[in-house]
Amino acid sequence: MLESRYVLATMLLLAGVVAHEVLPTSVMPTP
């Protein structure tokens, strides 16, 4: 059951990285 939590966290982290790489900085300004 704990594995599903780790998988969800990993997918969310990967989604954030991909979004940060694809989206321009003007849309998602990050320091």
N, C-alpha and C. Protein backbone atom coordinates (compact mmCIF):
# COMPACT_ATOMS: atom_id res chain seq x y z
N MET A 1 0.84 -1.20 0.00
CA MET A 1 0.00 0.00 0.00
C MET A 1 0.88 1.26 0.00
N LEU A 2 2.03 1.17 0.67
CA LEU A 2 2.92 2.33 0.71
C LEU A 2 3.53 2.61 -0.66
N GLU A 3 3.65 1.56 -1.47
CA GLU A 3 4.25 1.74 -2.79
C GLU A 3 3.45 2.72 -3.63
N SER A 4 2.11 2.64 -3.53
CA SER A 4 1.27 3.53 -4.33
C SER A 4 1.56 4.99 -3.96
N ARG A 5 1.83 5.23 -2.68
CA ARG A 5 2.13 6.60 -2.25
C ARG A 5 3.44 7.08 -2.85
N TYR A 6 4.45 6.19 -2.88
CA TYR A 6 5.73 6.58 -3.45
C TYR A 6 5.58 6.81 -4.96
N VAL A 7 4.79 5.97 -5.62
CA VAL A 7 4.59 6.12 -7.07
C VAL A 7 3.91 7.45 -7.36
N LEU A 8 2.90 7.80 -6.57
CA LEU A 8 2.19 9.06 -6.78
C LEU A 8 3.13 10.24 -6.57
N ALA A 9 3.94 10.19 -5.52
CA ALA A 9 4.88 11.28 -5.25
C ALA A 9 5.89 11.40 -6.39
N THR A 10 6.37 10.26 -6.89
CA THR A 10 7.34 10.28 -7.98
C THR A 10 6.74 10.87 -9.24
N MET A 11 5.51 10.48 -9.55
CA MET A 11 4.85 11.00 -10.76
C MET A 11 4.62 12.50 -10.64
N LEU A 12 4.24 12.96 -9.45
CA LEU A 12 4.02 14.40 -9.25
C LEU A 12 5.35 15.14 -9.42
N LEU A 13 6.43 14.59 -8.89
CA LEU A 13 7.73 15.23 -9.00
C LEU A 13 8.17 15.29 -10.47
N LEU A 14 8.01 14.18 -11.19
CA LEU A 14 8.37 14.15 -12.61
C LEU A 14 7.53 15.15 -13.39
N ALA A 15 6.23 15.22 -13.08
CA ALA A 15 5.34 16.16 -13.78
C ALA A 15 5.81 17.59 -13.55
N GLY A 16 6.24 17.90 -12.32
CA GLY A 16 6.73 19.24 -12.02
C GLY A 16 8.00 19.56 -12.81
N VAL A 17 8.90 18.59 -12.88
CA VAL A 17 10.15 18.80 -13.61
C VAL A 17 9.87 19.00 -15.10
N VAL A 18 9.02 18.17 -15.67
CA VAL A 18 8.69 18.28 -17.09
C VAL A 18 8.02 19.62 -17.38
N ALA A 19 7.08 20.01 -16.51
CA ALA A 19 6.38 21.29 -16.70
C ALA A 19 7.39 22.44 -16.64
N HIS A 20 8.34 22.37 -15.70
CA HIS A 20 9.33 23.43 -15.55
C HIS A 20 10.23 23.50 -16.77
N GLU A 21 10.51 22.35 -17.38
CA GLU A 21 11.39 22.31 -18.55
C GLU A 21 10.66 22.77 -19.81
N VAL A 22 9.37 22.42 -19.92
CA VAL A 22 8.62 22.73 -21.14
C VAL A 22 8.08 24.16 -21.12
N LEU A 23 7.40 24.52 -20.01
CA LEU A 23 6.80 25.85 -19.94
C LEU A 23 7.88 26.92 -19.86
N PRO A 24 7.62 28.07 -20.51
CA PRO A 24 8.57 29.18 -20.46
C PRO A 24 8.59 29.81 -19.08
N THR A 25 9.66 30.51 -18.77
CA THR A 25 9.80 31.12 -17.45
C THR A 25 8.78 32.23 -17.25
N SER A 26 8.29 32.80 -18.35
CA SER A 26 7.31 33.89 -18.24
C SER A 26 5.99 33.38 -17.67
N VAL A 27 5.66 32.11 -17.97
CA VAL A 27 4.42 31.54 -17.47
C VAL A 27 4.60 31.07 -16.04
N MET A 28 5.77 30.47 -15.75
CA MET A 28 6.02 29.95 -14.41
C MET A 28 7.33 30.53 -13.89
N PRO A 29 7.29 31.76 -13.39
CA PRO A 29 8.52 32.41 -12.91
C PRO A 29 9.06 31.74 -11.66
N THR A 30 10.31 31.29 -11.71
CA THR A 30 10.92 30.65 -10.54
C THR A 30 12.32 31.22 -10.36
N PRO A 31 12.70 31.53 -9.14
CA PRO A 31 14.02 32.11 -8.85
C PRO A 31 15.15 31.13 -9.13
